[in-house]
């Protein structure tokens, strides 16, 4: 339990931020699964659109501090490589 009023407020804020960050990370995972599914099915045009959405989502998550900028860049790079290998 928090001992001061400010600690109590910080606890409320951190819980709210935790839930918000969790939803963003969940959305990233969902988009990534959809992208992978499209690649395995060989739907390159749809995968290209999905990659654009996923790339944008990673950039926004990195901008707001949910994920580190390097993680976002690494994920985007690896996803682009996977997309390039699909015929």
PDB file of N, CA and C in Angstrom:
ATOM      1  N   UNK A   1       0.842  -1.189   0.000  1.00  0.00           N
ATOM      2  CA  UNK A   1       0.000   0.000   0.000  1.00  0.00           C
ATOM      3  C   UNK A   1       0.882   1.246   0.000  1.00  0.00           C
ATOM      4  N   UNK A   2       0.462   2.259  -0.729  1.00  0.00           N
ATOM      5  CA  UNK A   2       1.235   3.503  -0.752  1.00  0.00           C
ATOM      6  C   UNK A   2       1.111   4.254   0.572  1.00  0.00           C
ATOM      7  N   UNK A   3       2.189   4.922   0.933  1.00  0.00           N
ATOM      8  CA  UNK A   3       2.209   5.655   2.199  1.00  0.00           C
ATOM      9  C   UNK A   3       1.786   7.108   2.048  1.00  0.00           C
ATOM     10  N   UNK A   4       1.931   7.670   0.876  1.00  0.00           N
ATOM     11  CA  UNK A   4       1.601   9.079   0.676  1.00  0.00           C
ATOM     12  C   UNK A   4       0.563   9.229  -0.426  1.00  0.00           C
ATOM     13  N   UNK A   5      -0.030  10.428  -0.468  1.00  0.00           N
ATOM     14  CA  UNK A   5      -1.037  10.695  -1.503  1.00  0.00           C
ATOM     15  C   UNK A   5      -0.418  10.651  -2.895  1.00  0.00           C
ATOM     16  N   UNK A   6       0.785  11.182  -3.009  1.00  0.00           N
ATOM     17  CA  UNK A   6       1.423  11.191  -4.331  1.00  0.00           C
ATOM     18  C   UNK A   6       1.740   9.767  -4.785  1.00  0.00           C
ATOM     19  N   UNK A   7       2.124   8.912  -3.852  1.00  0.00           N
ATOM     20  CA  UNK A   7       2.392   7.513  -4.203  1.00  0.00           C
ATOM     21  C   UNK A   7       1.106   6.817  -4.630  1.00  0.00           C
ATOM     22  N   UNK A   8       0.009   7.193  -4.010  1.00  0.00           N
ATOM     23  CA  UNK A   8      -1.293   6.627  -4.374  1.00  0.00           C
ATOM     24  C   UNK A   8      -1.672   7.042  -5.800  1.00  0.00           C
ATOM     25  N   UNK A   9      -1.444   8.316  -6.115  1.00  0.00           N
ATOM     26  CA  UNK A   9      -1.734   8.807  -7.466  1.00  0.00           C
ATOM     27  C   UNK A   9      -0.838   8.115  -8.489  1.00  0.00           C
ATOM     28  N   UNK A  10       0.438   7.967  -8.150  1.00  0.00           N
ATOM     29  CA  UNK A  10       1.366   7.301  -9.063  1.00  0.00           C
ATOM     30  C   UNK A  10       0.938   5.857  -9.313  1.00  0.00           C
ATOM     31  N   UNK A  11       0.423   5.212  -8.287  1.00  0.00           N
ATOM     32  CA  UNK A  11      -0.028   3.835  -8.426  1.00  0.00           C
ATOM     33  C   UNK A  11      -1.214   3.761  -9.388  1.00  0.00           C
ATOM     34  N   UNK A  12      -2.141   4.707  -9.253  1.00  0.00           N
ATOM     35  CA  UNK A  12      -3.294   4.741 -10.164  1.00  0.00           C
ATOM     36  C   UNK A  12      -2.838   4.997 -11.598  1.00  0.00           C
ATOM     37  N   UNK A  13      -1.939   5.961 -11.758  1.00  0.00           N
ATOM     38  CA  UNK A  13      -1.441   6.295 -13.096  1.00  0.00           C
ATOM     39  C   UNK A  13      -0.688   5.133 -13.725  1.00  0.00           C
ATOM     40  N   UNK A  14       0.151   4.480 -12.933  1.00  0.00           N
ATOM     41  CA  UNK A  14       0.947   3.390 -13.495  1.00  0.00           C
ATOM     42  C   UNK A  14       0.060   2.219 -13.895  1.00  0.00           C
ATOM     43  N   UNK A  15      -1.006   1.970 -13.156  1.00  0.00           N
ATOM     44  CA  UNK A  15      -1.936   0.899 -13.520  1.00  0.00           C
ATOM     45  C   UNK A  15      -2.654   1.234 -14.825  1.00  0.00           C
ATOM     46  N   UNK A  16      -3.072   2.487 -14.961  1.00  0.00           N
ATOM     47  CA  UNK A  16      -3.749   2.922 -16.181  1.00  0.00           C
ATOM     48  C   UNK A  16      -2.802   2.804 -17.382  1.00  0.00           C
ATOM     49  N   UNK A  17      -1.554   3.241 -17.209  1.00  0.00           N
ATOM     50  CA  UNK A  17      -0.571   3.152 -18.288  1.00  0.00           C
ATOM     51  C   UNK A  17      -0.245   1.702 -18.621  1.00  0.00           C
ATOM     52  N   UNK A  18      -0.188   0.837 -17.600  1.00  0.00           N
ATOM     53  CA  UNK A  18       0.113  -0.574 -17.826  1.00  0.00           C
ATOM     54  C   UNK A  18      -0.956  -1.210 -18.709  1.00  0.00           C
ATOM     55  N   UNK A  19      -2.214  -0.912 -18.417  1.00  0.00           N
ATOM     56  CA  UNK A  19      -3.308  -1.469 -19.209  1.00  0.00           C
ATOM     57  C   UNK A  19      -3.286  -0.938 -20.642  1.00  0.00           C
ATOM     58  N   UNK A  20      -2.982   0.340 -20.790  1.00  0.00           N
ATOM     59  CA  UNK A  20      -2.909   0.953 -22.118  1.00  0.00           C
ATOM     60  C   UNK A  20      -1.778   0.329 -22.935  1.00  0.00           C
ATOM     61  N   UNK A  21      -0.601   0.207 -22.315  1.00  0.00           N
ATOM     62  CA  UNK A  21       0.550  -0.385 -23.004  1.00  0.00           C
ATOM     63  C   UNK A  21       0.277  -1.838 -23.371  1.00  0.00           C
ATOM     64  N   UNK A  22      -0.420  -2.534 -22.490  1.00  0.00           N
ATOM     65  CA  UNK A  22      -0.741  -3.941 -22.727  1.00  0.00           C
ATOM     66  C   UNK A  22      -1.626  -4.094 -23.963  1.00  0.00           C
ATOM     67  N   UNK A  23      -2.595  -3.188 -24.107  1.00  0.00           N
ATOM     68  CA  UNK A  23      -3.485  -3.273 -25.262  1.00  0.00           C
ATOM     69  C   UNK A  23      -2.726  -2.979 -26.557  1.00  0.00           C
ATOM     70  N   UNK A  24      -1.793  -2.047 -26.512  1.00  0.00           N
ATOM     71  CA  UNK A  24      -1.002  -1.725 -27.702  1.00  0.00           C
ATOM     72  C   UNK A  24      -0.121  -2.911 -28.092  1.00  0.00           C
ATOM     73  N   UNK A  25       0.525  -3.531 -27.102  1.00  0.00           N
ATOM     74  CA  UNK A  25       1.377  -4.688 -27.390  1.00  0.00           C
ATOM     75  C   UNK A  25       0.556  -5.850 -27.928  1.00  0.00           C
ATOM     76  N   UNK A  26      -0.651  -6.009 -27.407  1.00  0.00           N
ATOM     77  CA  UNK A  26      -1.534  -7.071 -27.885  1.00  0.00           C
ATOM     78  C   UNK A  26      -1.892  -6.827 -29.348  1.00  0.00           C
ATOM     79  N   UNK A  27      -2.172  -5.580 -29.693  1.00  0.00           N
ATOM     80  CA  UNK A  27      -2.503  -5.233 -31.075  1.00  0.00           C
ATOM     81  C   UNK A  27      -1.314  -5.505 -32.000  1.00  0.00           C
ATOM     82  N   UNK A  28      -0.107  -5.197 -31.530  1.00  0.00           N
ATOM     83  CA  UNK A  28       1.087  -5.472 -32.330  1.00  0.00           C
ATOM     84  C   UNK A  28       1.222  -6.966 -32.607  1.00  0.00           C
ATOM     85  N   UNK A  29       1.017  -7.773 -31.578  1.00  0.00           N
ATOM     86  CA  UNK A  29       1.116  -9.226 -31.754  1.00  0.00           C
ATOM     87  C   UNK A  29       0.049  -9.734 -32.720  1.00  0.00           C
ATOM     88  N   UNK A  30      -1.168  -9.195 -32.603  1.00  0.00           N
ATOM     89  CA  UNK A  30      -2.258  -9.611 -33.486  1.00  0.00           C
ATOM     90  C   UNK A  30      -1.947  -9.261 -34.937  1.00  0.00           C
ATOM     91  N   UNK A  31      -1.470  -8.045 -35.175  1.00  0.00           N
ATOM     92  CA  UNK A  31      -1.110  -7.630 -36.533  1.00  0.00           C
ATOM     93  C   UNK A  31       0.012  -8.500 -37.094  1.00  0.00           C
ATOM     94  N   UNK A  32       0.971  -8.837 -36.229  1.00  0.00           N
ATOM     95  CA  UNK A  32       2.100  -9.647 -36.684  1.00  0.00           C
ATOM     96  C   UNK A  32       1.648 -11.062 -37.053  1.00  0.00           C
ATOM     97  N   UNK A  33       0.727 -11.610 -36.282  1.00  0.00           N
ATOM     98  CA  UNK A  33       0.196 -12.942 -36.599  1.00  0.00           C
ATOM     99  C   UNK A  33      -0.555 -12.924 -37.926  1.00  0.00           C
ATOM    100  N   UNK A  34      -1.345 -11.881 -38.145  1.00  0.00           N
ATOM    101  CA  UNK A  34      -2.070 -11.757 -39.408  1.00  0.00           C
ATOM    102  C   UNK A  34      -1.126 -11.639 -40.588  1.00  0.00           C
ATOM    103  N   UNK A  35      -0.065 -10.870 -40.410  1.00  0.00           N
ATOM    104  CA  UNK A  35       0.947 -10.706 -41.452  1.00  0.00           C
ATOM    105  C   UNK A  35       1.604 -12.044 -41.771  1.00  0.00           C
ATOM    106  N   UNK A  36       1.975 -12.786 -40.738  1.00  0.00           N
ATOM    107  CA  UNK A  36       2.608 -14.094 -40.938  1.00  0.00           C
ATOM    108  C   UNK A  36       1.676 -15.059 -41.651  1.00  0.00           C
ATOM    109  N   UNK A  37       0.409 -15.009 -41.291  1.00  0.00           N
ATOM    110  CA  UNK A  37      -0.574 -15.893 -41.921  1.00  0.00           C
ATOM    111  C   UNK A  37      -0.684 -15.587 -43.416  1.00  0.00           C
ATOM    112  N   UNK A  38      -0.713 -14.304 -43.761  1.00  0.00           N
ATOM    113  CA  UNK A  38      -0.792 -13.914 -45.168  1.00  0.00           C
ATOM    114  C   UNK A  38       0.443 -14.375 -45.943  1.00  0.00           C
ATOM    115  N   UNK A  39       1.604 -14.293 -45.302  1.00  0.00           N
ATOM    116  CA  UNK A  39       2.830 -14.732 -45.971  1.00  0.00           C
ATOM    117  C   UNK A  39       2.814 -16.233 -46.226  1.00  0.00           C
ATOM    118  N   UNK A  40       2.359 -17.000 -45.248  1.00  0.00           N
ATOM    119  CA  UNK A  40       2.341 -18.456 -45.427  1.00  0.00           C
ATOM    120  C   UNK A  40       1.334 -18.868 -46.492  1.00  0.00           C
ATOM    121  N   UNK A  41       0.264 -18.075 -46.639  1.00  0.00           N
ATOM    122  CA  UNK A  41      -0.729 -18.369 -47.675  1.00  0.00           C
ATOM    123  C   UNK A  41      -0.283 -17.875 -49.048  1.00  0.00           C
ATOM    124  N   UNK A  42       0.780 -17.069 -49.079  1.00  0.00           N
ATOM    125  CA  UNK A  42       1.316 -16.581 -50.346  1.00  0.00           C
ATOM    126  C   UNK A  42       0.585 -15.377 -50.913  1.00  0.00           C
ATOM    127  N   UNK A  43      -0.170 -14.671 -50.101  1.00  0.00           N
ATOM    128  CA  UNK A  43      -0.908 -13.485 -50.557  1.00  0.00           C
ATOM    129  C   UNK A  43      -0.020 -12.251 -50.389  1.00  0.00           C
ATOM    130  N   UNK A  44       0.825 -12.031 -51.371  1.00  0.00           N
ATOM    131  CA  UNK A  44       1.829 -10.973 -51.259  1.00  0.00           C
ATOM    132  C   UNK A  44       1.217  -9.567 -51.246  1.00  0.00           C
ATOM    133  N   UNK A  45       0.188  -9.323 -52.044  1.00  0.00           N
ATOM    134  CA  UNK A  45      -0.414  -7.984 -52.088  1.00  0.00           C
ATOM    135  C   UNK A  45      -1.046  -7.626 -50.744  1.00  0.00           C
ATOM    136  N   UNK A  46      -1.785  -8.587 -50.177  1.00  0.00           N
ATOM    137  CA  UNK A  46      -2.394  -8.350 -48.871  1.00  0.00           C
ATOM    138  C   UNK A  46      -1.326  -8.223 -47.790  1.00  0.00           C
ATOM    139  N   UNK A  47      -0.264  -9.006 -47.917  1.00  0.00           N
ATOM    140  CA  UNK A  47       0.826  -8.950 -46.943  1.00  0.00           C
ATOM    141  C   UNK A  47       1.519  -7.592 -46.987  1.00  0.00           C
ATOM    142  N   UNK A  48       1.609  -7.004 -48.182  1.00  0.00           N
ATOM    143  CA  UNK A  48       2.221  -5.680 -48.309  1.00  0.00           C
ATOM    144  C   UNK A  48       1.406  -4.633 -47.563  1.00  0.00           C
ATOM    145  N   UNK A  49       0.081  -4.714 -47.687  1.00  0.00           N
ATOM    146  CA  UNK A  49      -0.792  -3.789 -46.952  1.00  0.00           C
ATOM    147  C   UNK A  49      -0.662  -4.014 -45.450  1.00  0.00           C
ATOM    148  N   UNK A  50      -0.638  -5.281 -45.055  1.00  0.00           N
ATOM    149  CA  UNK A  50      -0.517  -5.618 -43.634  1.00  0.00           C
ATOM    150  C   UNK A  50       0.821  -5.140 -43.082  1.00  0.00           C
ATOM    151  N   UNK A  51       1.877  -5.230 -43.902  1.00  0.00           N
ATOM    152  CA  UNK A  51       3.188  -4.755 -43.469  1.00  0.00           C
ATOM    153  C   UNK A  51       3.156  -3.247 -43.214  1.00  0.00           C
ATOM    154  N   UNK A  52       2.469  -2.512 -44.072  1.00  0.00           N
ATOM    155  CA  UNK A  52       2.346  -1.069 -43.877  1.00  0.00           C
ATOM    156  C   UNK A  52       1.659  -0.733 -42.570  1.00  0.00           C
ATOM    157  N   UNK A  53       0.583  -1.441 -42.274  1.00  0.00           N
ATOM    158  CA  UNK A  53      -0.133  -1.223 -41.010  1.00  0.00           C
ATOM    159  C   UNK A  53       0.745  -1.585 -39.819  1.00  0.00           C
ATOM    160  N   UNK A  54       1.435  -2.709 -39.936  1.00  0.00           N
ATOM    161  CA  UNK A  54       2.286  -3.186 -38.846  1.00  0.00           C
ATOM    162  C   UNK A  54       3.458  -2.245 -38.607  1.00  0.00           C
ATOM    163  N   UNK A  55       4.048  -1.773 -39.680  1.00  0.00           N
ATOM    164  CA  UNK A  55       5.164  -0.838 -39.578  1.00  0.00           C
ATOM    165  C   UNK A  55       4.724   0.455 -38.896  1.00  0.00           C
ATOM    166  N   UNK A  56       3.571   0.953 -39.298  1.00  0.00           N
ATOM    167  CA  UNK A  56       3.029   2.170 -38.701  1.00  0.00           C
ATOM    168  C   UNK A  56       2.735   1.966 -37.215  1.00  0.00           C
ATOM    169  N   UNK A  57       2.166   0.813 -36.885  1.00  0.00           N
ATOM    170  CA  UNK A  57       1.834   0.522 -35.488  1.00  0.00           C
ATOM    171  C   UNK A  57       3.100   0.448 -34.634  1.00  0.00           C
ATOM    172  N   UNK A  58       4.160  -0.164 -35.167  1.00  0.00           N
ATOM    173  CA  UNK A  58       5.421  -0.232 -34.420  1.00  0.00           C
ATOM    174  C   UNK A  58       6.023   1.154 -34.236  1.00  0.00           C
ATOM    175  N   UNK A  59       5.944   1.998 -35.276  1.00  0.00           N
ATOM    176  CA  UNK A  59       6.469   3.360 -35.155  1.00  0.00           C
ATOM    177  C   UNK A  59       5.720   4.149 -34.085  1.00  0.00           C
ATOM    178  N   UNK A  60       4.402   4.020 -34.070  1.00  0.00           N
ATOM    179  CA  UNK A  60       3.598   4.732 -33.077  1.00  0.00           C
ATOM    180  C   UNK A  60       3.885   4.227 -31.668  1.00  0.00           C
ATOM    181  N   UNK A  61       4.050   2.912 -31.530  1.00  0.00           N
ATOM    182  CA  UNK A  61       4.348   2.335 -30.219  1.00  0.00           C
ATOM    183  C   UNK A  61       5.719   2.802 -29.729  1.00  0.00           C
ATOM    184  N   UNK A  62       6.673   2.908 -30.643  1.00  0.00           N
ATOM    185  CA  UNK A  62       8.009   3.371 -30.269  1.00  0.00           C
ATOM    186  C   UNK A  62       7.975   4.853 -29.908  1.00  0.00           C
ATOM    187  N   UNK A  63       7.177   5.621 -30.646  1.00  0.00           N
ATOM    188  CA  UNK A  63       7.083   7.062 -30.383  1.00  0.00           C
ATOM    189  C   UNK A  63       6.509   7.336 -29.000  1.00  0.00           C
ATOM    190  N   UNK A  64       5.538   6.520 -28.592  1.00  0.00           N
ATOM    191  CA  UNK A  64       4.905   6.736 -27.288  1.00  0.00           C
ATOM    192  C   UNK A  64       5.631   6.016 -26.160  1.00  0.00           C
ATOM    193  N   UNK A  65       6.706   5.279 -26.486  1.00  0.00           N
ATOM    194  CA  UNK A  65       7.510   4.653 -25.445  1.00  0.00           C
ATOM    195  C   UNK A  65       7.026   3.287 -24.995  1.00  0.00           C
ATOM    196  N   UNK A  66       6.080   2.707 -25.707  1.00  0.00           N
ATOM    197  CA  UNK A  66       5.575   1.384 -25.334  1.00  0.00           C
ATOM    198  C   UNK A  66       6.627   0.326 -25.632  1.00  0.00           C
ATOM    199  N   UNK A  67       7.274   0.444 -26.790  1.00  0.00           N
ATOM    200  CA  UNK A  67       8.397  -0.431 -27.132  1.00  0.00           C
ATOM    201  C   UNK A  67       9.594   0.458 -27.453  1.00  0.00           C
ATOM    202  N   UNK A  68      10.785  -0.102 -27.331  1.00  0.00           N
ATOM    203  CA  UNK A  68      11.990   0.661 -27.624  1.00  0.00           C
ATOM    204  C   UNK A  68      12.115   0.878 -29.133  1.00  0.00           C
ATOM    205  N   UNK A  69      12.691   2.002 -29.490  1.00  0.00           N
ATOM    206  CA  UNK A  69      12.853   2.361 -30.902  1.00  0.00           C
ATOM    207  C   UNK A  69      13.647   1.297 -31.663  1.00  0.00           C
ATOM    208  N   UNK A  70      14.680   0.766 -31.028  1.00  0.00           N
ATOM    209  CA  UNK A  70      15.499  -0.267 -31.679  1.00  0.00           C
ATOM    210  C   UNK A  70      14.707  -1.539 -31.921  1.00  0.00           C
ATOM    211  N   UNK A  71      13.845  -1.903 -30.971  1.00  0.00           N
ATOM    212  CA  UNK A  71      13.018  -3.095 -31.142  1.00  0.00           C
ATOM    213  C   UNK A  71      12.093  -2.918 -32.337  1.00  0.00           C
ATOM    214  N   UNK A  72      11.493  -1.740 -32.441  1.00  0.00           N
ATOM    215  CA  UNK A  72      10.584  -1.471 -33.554  1.00  0.00           C
ATOM    216  C   UNK A  72      11.328  -1.562 -34.887  1.00  0.00           C
ATOM    217  N   UNK A  73      12.508  -0.969 -34.958  1.00  0.00           N
ATOM    218  CA  UNK A  73      13.291  -1.007 -36.197  1.00  0.00           C
ATOM    219  C   UNK A  73      13.717  -2.429 -36.545  1.00  0.00           C
ATOM    220  N   UNK A  74      14.119  -3.191 -35.532  1.00  0.00           N
ATOM    221  CA  UNK A  74      14.548  -4.572 -35.758  1.00  0.00           C
ATOM    222  C   UNK A  74      13.392  -5.424 -36.271  1.00  0.00           C
ATOM    223  N   UNK A  75      12.224  -5.281 -35.646  1.00  0.00           N
ATOM    224  CA  UNK A  75      11.047  -6.047 -36.074  1.00  0.00           C
ATOM    225  C   UNK A  75      10.670  -5.699 -37.513  1.00  0.00           C
ATOM    226  N   UNK A  76      10.633  -4.402 -37.825  1.00  0.00           N
ATOM    227  CA  UNK A  76      10.267  -3.977 -39.178  1.00  0.00           C
ATOM    228  C   UNK A  76      11.253  -4.519 -40.205  1.00  0.00           C
ATOM    229  N   UNK A  77      12.540  -4.494 -39.872  1.00  0.00           N
ATOM    230  CA  UNK A  77      13.561  -4.985 -40.781  1.00  0.00           C
ATOM    231  C   UNK A  77      13.393  -6.476 -41.037  1.00  0.00           C
ATOM    232  N   UNK A  78      13.176  -7.240 -39.987  1.00  0.00           N
ATOM    233  CA  UNK A  78      13.032  -8.690 -40.138  1.00  0.00           C
ATOM    234  C   UNK A  78      11.755  -9.055 -40.888  1.00  0.00           C
ATOM    235  N   UNK A  79      10.695  -8.301 -40.640  1.00  0.00           N
ATOM    236  CA  UNK A  79       9.445  -8.561 -41.357  1.00  0.00           C
ATOM    237  C   UNK A  79       9.600  -8.238 -42.843  1.00  0.00           C
ATOM    238  N   UNK A  80      10.334  -7.169 -43.151  1.00  0.00           N
ATOM    239  CA  UNK A  80      10.569  -6.804 -44.548  1.00  0.00           C
ATOM    240  C   UNK A  80      11.390  -7.883 -45.249  1.00  0.00           C
ATOM    241  N   UNK A  81      12.360  -8.448 -44.540  1.00  0.00           N
ATOM    242  CA  UNK A  81      13.159  -9.533 -45.116  1.00  0.00           C
ATOM    243  C   UNK A  81      12.292 -10.752 -45.404  1.00  0.00           C
ATOM    244  N   UNK A  82      11.410 -11.074 -44.475  1.00  0.00           N
ATOM    245  CA  UNK A  82      10.512 -12.212 -44.681  1.00  0.00           C
ATOM    246  C   UNK A  82       9.607 -11.976 -45.882  1.00  0.00           C
ATOM    247  N   UNK A  83       9.135 -10.742 -46.022  1.00  0.00           N
ATOM    248  CA  UNK A  83       8.247 -10.423 -47.133  1.00  0.00           C
ATOM    249  C   UNK A  83       9.002 -10.504 -48.465  1.00  0.00           C
ATOM    250  N   UNK A  84      10.266 -10.110 -48.460  1.00  0.00           N
ATOM    251  CA  UNK A  84      11.060 -10.128 -49.688  1.00  0.00           C
ATOM    252  C   UNK A  84      11.342 -11.551 -50.159  1.00  0.00           C
ATOM    253  N   UNK A  85      11.382 -12.504 -49.240  1.00  0.00           N
ATOM    254  CA  UNK A  85      11.689 -13.885 -49.628  1.00  0.00           C
ATOM    255  C   UNK A  85      10.493 -14.599 -50.243  1.00  0.00           C
ATOM    256  N   UNK A  86       9.280 -14.094 -49.971  1.00  0.00           N
ATOM    257  CA  UNK A  86       8.073 -14.727 -50.516  1.00  0.00           C
ATOM    258  C   UNK A  86       7.929 -14.360 -51.984  1.00  0.00           C
ATOM    259  N   UNK A  87       7.645 -15.335 -52.796  1.00  0.00           N
ATOM    260  CA  UNK A  87       7.484 -15.100 -54.239  1.00  0.00           C
ATOM    261  C   UNK A  87       6.062 -14.691 -54.553  1.00  0.00           C
TER     262      UNK A  87
END
